[in-house]
Amino acid sequence: MTQEAMKELDKIVAEKLLEISAIKLQPELPFTWASGWNSPIYTDNRKTLSYPELRSFIKVELSRIIMERFGAPDAIAGVATGAIAMGALVADTIGKPYVYVRSTPKDHGLENLIEGNLTPGQRVVVIEDLISTGASSLKAVEAIRAAGCEVIGMAAMFTYQFPVVIEAFKAANVELLTLSNYSALLEAALDTNYIRPADLDTLKEWRKDPANWVPATRNN
């Protein structure tokens, strides 16, 4: 896929996520994350599972970019909890074994982090619904590598494009592919009148330094 075509896909996916309220933008009435950060954006990409056409579109596009960039992996791994279902759909689409990676070990039995079977030496692609701080995503990568497998890349529906997260993925030697991103979202939101041009500056500032962002006062 050309860079131009990928940019078009970024925007199409962003528009679809806005349409079903999987993503909401409220620069003047920010959400509060569990971390305590103020955020103008709320994301729950699991909502895509409730829309058959969109669900199919997402799984096909994730499968396509994986096959185009990495070739056929030996297995697909979803990251709990948000990407468990979509990971399974992608694995089924490309006909590969599937596992998912828990955020914490089970408190009973074998206390597994990885649910399902991986064989040492397998080449694995990780599936995420959202790349936020990147902590849970990279923790899943560590678990798969600890199982003796090679993580050849990660594919996600959406990323906030935080600079610190981009650097963290580089440091962990994990190539990240996404169907959409924060930049494409702002463009789509502006084109569909979801936000006003006056909102752009504060929305862009949030991405640069989300921990210290303060919402701008809106003047009507």
C-alpha atoms as a PDB file:
ATOM      1  CA  MET A   1       0.000   0.000   0.000  1.00  0.00           C
ATOM      2  CA  THR A   2       1.312   3.432  -0.935  1.00  0.00           C
ATOM      3  CA  GLN A   3       1.837   6.142   1.649  1.00  0.00           C
ATOM      4  CA  GLU A   4      -1.017   8.132   0.088  1.00  0.00           C
ATOM      5  CA  ALA A   5      -3.378   5.161   0.275  1.00  0.00           C
ATOM      6  CA  MET A   6      -2.369   4.519   3.882  1.00  0.00           C
ATOM      7  CA  LYS A   7      -3.107   8.132   4.778  1.00  0.00           C
ATOM      8  CA  GLU A   8      -6.541   7.792   3.191  1.00  0.00           C
ATOM      9  CA  LEU A   9      -7.174   4.622   5.204  1.00  0.00           C
ATOM     10  CA  ASP A  10      -6.085   6.419   8.401  1.00  0.00           C
ATOM     11  CA  LYS A  11      -8.775   9.037   7.832  1.00  0.00           C
ATOM     12  CA  ILE A  12     -11.507   6.585   6.818  1.00  0.00           C
ATOM     13  CA  VAL A  13     -10.981   4.533   9.975  1.00  0.00           C
ATOM     14  CA  ALA A  14     -10.954   7.680  12.121  1.00  0.00           C
ATOM     15  CA  GLU A  15     -14.265   8.797  10.622  1.00  0.00           C
ATOM     16  CA  LYS A  16     -15.827   5.395  11.283  1.00  0.00           C
ATOM     17  CA  LEU A  17     -14.645   5.378  14.912  1.00  0.00           C
ATOM     18  CA  LEU A  18     -16.132   8.846  15.426  1.00  0.00           C
ATOM     19  CA  GLU A  19     -19.419   7.793  13.803  1.00  0.00           C
ATOM     20  CA  ILE A  20     -20.030   5.000  16.332  1.00  0.00           C
ATOM     21  CA  SER A  21     -18.654   7.003  19.285  1.00  0.00           C
ATOM     22  CA  ALA A  22     -15.794   4.569  19.777  1.00  0.00           C
ATOM     23  CA  ILE A  23     -13.830   7.805  19.971  1.00  0.00           C
ATOM     24  CA  LYS A  24     -15.162  11.005  21.495  1.00  0.00           C
ATOM     25  CA  LEU A  25     -13.476  14.412  21.466  1.00  0.00           C
ATOM     26  CA  GLN A  26     -14.348  16.964  24.159  1.00  0.00           C
ATOM     27  CA  PRO A  27     -11.584  19.578  24.336  1.00  0.00           C
ATOM     28  CA  GLU A  28     -13.653  21.924  26.502  1.00  0.00           C
ATOM     29  CA  LEU A  29     -14.989  19.190  28.849  1.00  0.00           C
ATOM     30  CA  PRO A  30     -12.069  16.792  29.208  1.00  0.00           C
ATOM     31  CA  PHE A  31     -12.230  13.261  30.501  1.00  0.00           C
ATOM     32  CA  THR A  32     -10.065  12.114  33.420  1.00  0.00           C
ATOM     33  CA  TRP A  33      -7.982   8.990  32.846  1.00  0.00           C
ATOM     34  CA  ALA A  34      -7.164   6.487  35.569  1.00  0.00           C
ATOM     35  CA  SER A  35      -3.667   7.980  35.594  1.00  0.00           C
ATOM     36  CA  GLY A  36      -5.177  11.313  36.634  1.00  0.00           C
ATOM     37  CA  TRP A  37      -4.393  12.944  33.293  1.00  0.00           C
ATOM     38  CA  ASN A  38      -6.905  15.350  31.799  1.00  0.00           C
ATOM     39  CA  SER A  39      -7.757  14.172  28.305  1.00  0.00           C
ATOM     40  CA  PRO A  40      -9.857  15.664  25.504  1.00  0.00           C
ATOM     41  CA  ILE A  41     -10.342  12.205  24.017  1.00  0.00           C
ATOM     42  CA  TYR A  42     -12.142   9.040  25.096  1.00  0.00           C
ATOM     43  CA  THR A  43     -11.545   5.803  23.215  1.00  0.00           C
ATOM     44  CA  ASP A  44     -13.236   2.413  23.422  1.00  0.00           C
ATOM     45  CA  ASN A  45     -12.531   0.538  20.204  1.00  0.00           C
ATOM     46  CA  ARG A  46     -14.300  -2.558  21.505  1.00  0.00           C
ATOM     47  CA  LYS A  47     -17.469  -0.853  20.270  1.00  0.00           C
ATOM     48  CA  THR A  48     -16.441  -1.833  16.744  1.00  0.00           C
ATOM     49  CA  LEU A  49     -17.391  -5.415  17.631  1.00  0.00           C
ATOM     50  CA  SER A  50     -21.080  -4.414  17.751  1.00  0.00           C
ATOM     51  CA  TYR A  51     -21.113  -3.283  14.110  1.00  0.00           C
ATOM     52  CA  PRO A  52     -20.736  -6.277  11.750  1.00  0.00           C
ATOM     53  CA  GLU A  53     -19.674  -4.334   8.650  1.00  0.00           C
ATOM     54  CA  LEU A  54     -17.157  -2.223  10.547  1.00  0.00           C
ATOM     55  CA  ARG A  55     -15.932  -5.230  12.533  1.00  0.00           C
ATOM     56  CA  SER A  56     -15.282  -7.082   9.285  1.00  0.00           C
ATOM     57  CA  PHE A  57     -13.611  -4.045   7.716  1.00  0.00           C
ATOM     58  CA  ILE A  58     -11.241  -3.665  10.691  1.00  0.00           C
ATOM     59  CA  LYS A  59     -10.262  -7.343  10.808  1.00  0.00           C
ATOM     60  CA  VAL A  60      -9.647  -7.461   7.050  1.00  0.00           C
ATOM     61  CA  GLU A  61      -7.538  -4.291   7.046  1.00  0.00           C
ATOM     62  CA  LEU A  62      -5.493  -5.412  10.048  1.00  0.00           C
ATOM     63  CA  SER A  63      -4.924  -8.776   8.378  1.00  0.00           C
ATOM     64  CA  ARG A  64      -3.934  -7.102   5.117  1.00  0.00           C
ATOM     65  CA  ILE A  65      -1.338  -4.743   6.606  1.00  0.00           C
ATOM     66  CA  ILE A  66       0.133  -7.618   8.628  1.00  0.00           C
ATOM     67  CA  MET A  67       0.512  -9.844   5.573  1.00  0.00           C
ATOM     68  CA  GLU A  68       1.866  -7.007   3.426  1.00  0.00           C
ATOM     69  CA  ARG A  69       4.484  -5.915   5.961  1.00  0.00           C
ATOM     70  CA  PHE A  70       5.465  -9.107   7.784  1.00  0.00           C
ATOM     71  CA  GLY A  71       4.282 -11.950   5.618  1.00  0.00           C
ATOM     72  CA  ALA A  72       2.526 -14.854   7.301  1.00  0.00           C
ATOM     73  CA  PRO A  73       3.344 -15.044  11.039  1.00  0.00           C
ATOM     74  CA  ASP A  74       3.303 -18.326  12.905  1.00  0.00           C
ATOM     75  CA  ALA A  75       0.785 -17.023  15.439  1.00  0.00           C
ATOM     76  CA  ILE A  76      -1.305 -14.014  16.451  1.00  0.00           C
ATOM     77  CA  ALA A  77      -1.445 -12.714  20.027  1.00  0.00           C
ATOM     78  CA  GLY A  78      -4.154 -10.378  21.318  1.00  0.00           C
ATOM     79  CA  VAL A  79      -3.544  -8.097  24.295  1.00  0.00           C
ATOM     80  CA  ALA A  80      -6.112  -8.319  27.102  1.00  0.00           C
ATOM     81  CA  THR A  81      -8.681  -7.137  27.392  1.00  0.00           C
ATOM     82  CA  GLY A  82      -9.463  -4.775  24.562  1.00  0.00           C
ATOM     83  CA  ALA A  83      -7.842  -6.743  21.742  1.00  0.00           C
ATOM     84  CA  ILE A  84      -8.828 -10.288  22.715  1.00  0.00           C
ATOM     85  CA  ALA A  85     -11.771 -10.455  20.318  1.00  0.00           C
ATOM     86  CA  MET A  86     -10.201  -8.568  17.414  1.00  0.00           C
ATOM     87  CA  GLY A  87      -7.039 -10.608  17.734  1.00  0.00           C
ATOM     88  CA  ALA A  88      -9.062 -13.798  17.396  1.00  0.00           C
ATOM     89  CA  LEU A  89     -10.841 -12.409  14.334  1.00  0.00           C
ATOM     90  CA  VAL A  90      -7.529 -11.533  12.684  1.00  0.00           C
ATOM     91  CA  ALA A  91      -6.051 -14.953  13.480  1.00  0.00           C
ATOM     92  CA  ASP A  92      -9.119 -16.611  11.966  1.00  0.00           C
ATOM     93  CA  THR A  93      -8.912 -14.416   8.864  1.00  0.00           C
ATOM     94  CA  ILE A  94      -5.311 -15.369   8.120  1.00  0.00           C
ATOM     95  CA  GLY A  95      -5.719 -18.935   9.396  1.00  0.00           C
ATOM     96  CA  LYS A  96      -3.115 -18.870  12.151  1.00  0.00           C
ATOM     97  CA  PRO A  97      -2.975 -20.064  15.789  1.00  0.00           C
ATOM     98  CA  TYR A  98      -4.135 -17.585  18.404  1.00  0.00           C
ATOM     99  CA  VAL A  99      -3.279 -16.732  21.997  1.00  0.00           C
ATOM    100  CA  TYR A 100      -3.996 -13.776  24.196  1.00  0.00           C
ATOM    101  CA  VAL A 101      -1.797 -12.160  26.805  1.00  0.00           C
ATOM    102  CA  ARG A 102      -3.213 -11.277  30.205  1.00  0.00           C
ATOM    103  CA  SER A 103      -2.285  -8.074  32.040  1.00  0.00           C
ATOM    104  CA  THR A 104      -1.595 -10.078  35.214  1.00  0.00           C
ATOM    105  CA  PRO A 105      -1.107 -13.809  35.846  1.00  0.00           C
ATOM    106  CA  LYS A 106      -4.141 -15.855  36.799  1.00  0.00           C
ATOM    107  CA  ASP A 107      -4.534 -16.103  40.560  1.00  0.00           C
ATOM    108  CA  HIS A 108      -5.132 -19.846  40.369  1.00  0.00           C
ATOM    109  CA  GLY A 109      -3.945 -22.901  38.475  1.00  0.00           C
ATOM    110  CA  LEU A 110      -0.778 -22.396  36.437  1.00  0.00           C
ATOM    111  CA  GLU A 111      -0.864 -18.600  36.840  1.00  0.00           C
ATOM    112  CA  ASN A 112      -0.423 -18.131  33.102  1.00  0.00           C
ATOM    113  CA  LEU A 113       0.167 -14.782  31.462  1.00  0.00           C
ATOM    114  CA  ILE A 114      -0.334 -16.286  28.010  1.00  0.00           C
ATOM    115  CA  GLU A 115      -3.613 -18.096  27.374  1.00  0.00           C
ATOM    116  CA  GLY A 116      -3.208 -20.643  24.602  1.00  0.00           C
ATOM    117  CA  ASN A 117      -0.206 -22.464  23.207  1.00  0.00           C
ATOM    118  CA  LEU A 118       2.959 -20.893  21.814  1.00  0.00           C
ATOM    119  CA  THR A 119       5.983 -22.887  20.726  1.00  0.00           C
ATOM    120  CA  PRO A 120       9.468 -21.432  21.259  1.00  0.00           C
ATOM    121  CA  GLY A 121      10.811 -20.041  18.019  1.00  0.00           C
ATOM    122  CA  GLN A 122       7.440 -19.008  16.595  1.00  0.00           C
ATOM    123  CA  ARG A 123       7.146 -15.645  14.847  1.00  0.00           C
ATOM    124  CA  VAL A 124       4.292 -13.710  16.452  1.00  0.00           C
ATOM    125  CA  VAL A 125       2.365 -10.560  15.563  1.00  0.00           C
ATOM    126  CA  VAL A 126       0.665  -8.805  18.472  1.00  0.00           C
ATOM    127  CA  ILE A 127      -2.766  -7.180  18.062  1.00  0.00           C
ATOM    128  CA  GLU A 128      -3.867  -4.125  20.048  1.00  0.00           C
ATOM    129  CA  ASP A 129      -7.059  -2.064  19.948  1.00  0.00           C
ATOM    130  CA  LEU A 130      -5.368   1.117  21.193  1.00  0.00           C
ATOM    131  CA  ILE A 131      -1.823   2.344  21.759  1.00  0.00           C
ATOM    132  CA  SER A 132      -2.033   4.787  24.644  1.00  0.00           C
ATOM    133  CA  THR A 133       0.907   4.861  27.055  1.00  0.00           C
ATOM    134  CA  GLY A 134       2.186   1.646  25.473  1.00  0.00           C
ATOM    135  CA  ALA A 135       2.846   0.009  28.852  1.00  0.00           C
ATOM    136  CA  SER A 136       0.425  -2.925  28.501  1.00  0.00           C
ATOM    137  CA  SER A 137       1.395  -3.438  24.863  1.00  0.00           C
ATOM    138  CA  LEU A 138       5.107  -3.716  25.591  1.00  0.00           C
ATOM    139  CA  LYS A 139       4.449  -5.857  28.654  1.00  0.00           C
ATOM    140  CA  ALA A 140       2.699  -8.343  26.364  1.00  0.00           C
ATOM    141  CA  VAL A 141       5.715  -8.288  24.058  1.00  0.00           C
ATOM    142  CA  GLU A 142       7.975  -9.110  27.013  1.00  0.00           C
ATOM    143  CA  ALA A 143       5.774 -12.079  27.973  1.00  0.00           C
ATOM    144  CA  ILE A 144       5.866 -13.482  24.433  1.00  0.00           C
ATOM    145  CA  ARG A 145       9.623 -13.070  24.202  1.00  0.00           C
ATOM    146  CA  ALA A 146      10.007 -14.723  27.611  1.00  0.00           C
ATOM    147  CA  ALA A 147       8.140 -17.711  26.143  1.00  0.00           C
ATOM    148  CA  GLY A 148      10.942 -18.045  23.602  1.00  0.00           C
ATOM    149  CA  CYS A 149       9.080 -16.523  20.652  1.00  0.00           C
ATOM    150  CA  GLU A 150       9.988 -13.710  18.283  1.00  0.00           C
ATOM    151  CA  VAL A 151       7.696 -10.686  18.116  1.00  0.00           C
ATOM    152  CA  ILE A 152       7.978  -9.576  14.511  1.00  0.00           C
ATOM    153  CA  GLY A 153       5.633  -6.638  14.965  1.00  0.00           C
ATOM    154  CA  MET A 154       2.445  -5.205  16.385  1.00  0.00           C
ATOM    155  CA  ALA A 155      -0.724  -4.047  14.611  1.00  0.00           C
ATOM    156  CA  ALA A 156      -3.288  -1.787  16.265  1.00  0.00           C
ATOM    157  CA  MET A 157      -6.507  -0.012  15.365  1.00  0.00           C
ATOM    158  CA  PHE A 158      -5.457   3.374  16.722  1.00  0.00           C
ATOM    159  CA  THR A 159      -2.594   5.248  18.350  1.00  0.00           C
ATOM    160  CA  TYR A 160      -2.423   8.584  20.149  1.00  0.00           C
ATOM    161  CA  GLN A 161       1.087   9.082  18.718  1.00  0.00           C
ATOM    162  CA  PHE A 162       2.615  10.220  22.014  1.00  0.00           C
ATOM    163  CA  PRO A 163       6.295  11.040  21.331  1.00  0.00           C
ATOM    164  CA  VAL A 164       7.426   9.156  24.448  1.00  0.00           C
ATOM    165  CA  VAL A 165       5.563   6.035  23.306  1.00  0.00           C
ATOM    166  CA  ILE A 166       7.080   6.182  19.834  1.00  0.00           C
ATOM    167  CA  GLU A 167      10.518   6.219  21.464  1.00  0.00           C
ATOM    168  CA  ALA A 168       9.567   3.368  23.823  1.00  0.00           C
ATOM    169  CA  PHE A 169       8.599   1.142  20.887  1.00  0.00           C
ATOM    170  CA  LYS A 170      11.871   1.959  19.139  1.00  0.00           C
ATOM    171  CA  ALA A 171      13.814   1.110  22.293  1.00  0.00           C
ATOM    172  CA  ALA A 172      11.954  -2.198  22.603  1.00  0.00           C
ATOM    173  CA  ASN A 173      12.634  -2.944  18.919  1.00  0.00           C
ATOM    174  CA  VAL A 174       8.945  -3.369  18.125  1.00  0.00           C
ATOM    175  CA  GLU A 175       7.637  -2.259  14.739  1.00  0.00           C
ATOM    176  CA  LEU A 176       4.147  -0.798  15.074  1.00  0.00           C
ATOM    177  CA  LEU A 177       1.517  -0.668  12.323  1.00  0.00           C
ATOM    178  CA  THR A 178      -1.781   1.126  12.886  1.00  0.00           C
ATOM    179  CA  LEU A 179      -4.995   1.604  10.923  1.00  0.00           C
ATOM    180  CA  SER A 180      -5.449   5.140  12.205  1.00  0.00           C
ATOM    181  CA  ASN A 181      -3.901   7.733  14.466  1.00  0.00           C
ATOM    182  CA  TYR A 182      -4.473  10.950  16.355  1.00  0.00           C
ATOM    183  CA  SER A 183      -3.358  13.198  13.486  1.00  0.00           C
ATOM    184  CA  ALA A 184      -5.820  11.547  11.091  1.00  0.00           C
ATOM    185  CA  LEU A 185      -8.524  11.785  13.742  1.00  0.00           C
ATOM    186  CA  LEU A 186      -8.136  15.555  14.079  1.00  0.00           C
ATOM    187  CA  GLU A 187      -8.298  15.937  10.311  1.00  0.00           C
ATOM    188  CA  ALA A 188     -11.429  13.786  10.082  1.00  0.00           C
ATOM    189  CA  ALA A 189     -13.071  15.547  13.025  1.00  0.00           C
ATOM    190  CA  LEU A 190     -12.440  18.941  11.461  1.00  0.00           C
ATOM    191  CA  ASP A 191     -13.705  17.901   8.026  1.00  0.00           C
ATOM    192  CA  THR A 192     -16.944  16.536   9.514  1.00  0.00           C
ATOM    193  CA  ASN A 193     -17.470  19.567  11.796  1.00  0.00           C
ATOM    194  CA  TYR A 194     -17.065  17.373  14.877  1.00  0.00           C
ATOM    195  CA  ILE A 195     -14.653  20.019  16.190  1.00  0.00           C
ATOM    196  CA  ARG A 196     -14.048  23.665  15.328  1.00  0.00           C
ATOM    197  CA  PRO A 197     -10.819  25.041  13.844  1.00  0.00           C
ATOM    198  CA  ALA A 198     -10.368  26.901  17.131  1.00  0.00           C
ATOM    199  CA  ASP A 199     -10.081  23.539  18.944  1.00  0.00           C
ATOM    200  CA  LEU A 200      -7.074  22.341  16.970  1.00  0.00           C
ATOM    201  CA  ASP A 201      -4.316  24.093  18.882  1.00  0.00           C
ATOM    202  CA  THR A 202      -5.297  22.722  22.301  1.00  0.00           C
ATOM    203  CA  LEU A 203      -5.897  19.235  20.865  1.00  0.00           C
ATOM    204  CA  LYS A 204      -2.430  19.226  19.308  1.00  0.00           C
ATOM    205  CA  GLU A 205      -0.871  20.455  22.555  1.00  0.00           C
ATOM    206  CA  TRP A 206      -2.417  17.558  24.480  1.00  0.00           C
ATOM    207  CA  ARG A 207      -0.653  14.998  22.295  1.00  0.00           C
ATOM    208  CA  LYS A 208       2.716  16.662  22.913  1.00  0.00           C
ATOM    209  CA  ASP A 209       2.467  16.602  26.726  1.00  0.00           C
ATOM    210  CA  PRO A 210      -0.682  14.813  27.948  1.00  0.00           C
ATOM    211  CA  ALA A 211       0.453  14.601  31.583  1.00  0.00           C
ATOM    212  CA  ASN A 212       0.548  18.392  31.928  1.00  0.00           C
ATOM    213  CA  TRP A 213      -2.156  19.469  29.489  1.00  0.00           C
ATOM    214  CA  VAL A 214      -4.729  22.003  30.657  1.00  0.00           C
ATOM    215  CA  PRO A 215      -7.881  22.545  28.566  1.00  0.00           C
ATOM    216  CA  ALA A 216      -8.192  25.909  26.879  1.00  0.00           C
ATOM    217  CA  THR A 217     -11.152  28.119  27.715  1.00  0.00           C
ATOM    218  CA  ARG A 218     -13.639  28.144  24.876  1.00  0.00           C
ATOM    219  CA  ASN A 219     -14.884  31.535  23.696  1.00  0.00           C
ATOM    220  CA  ASN A 220     -18.249  31.326  21.955  1.00  0.00           C
END
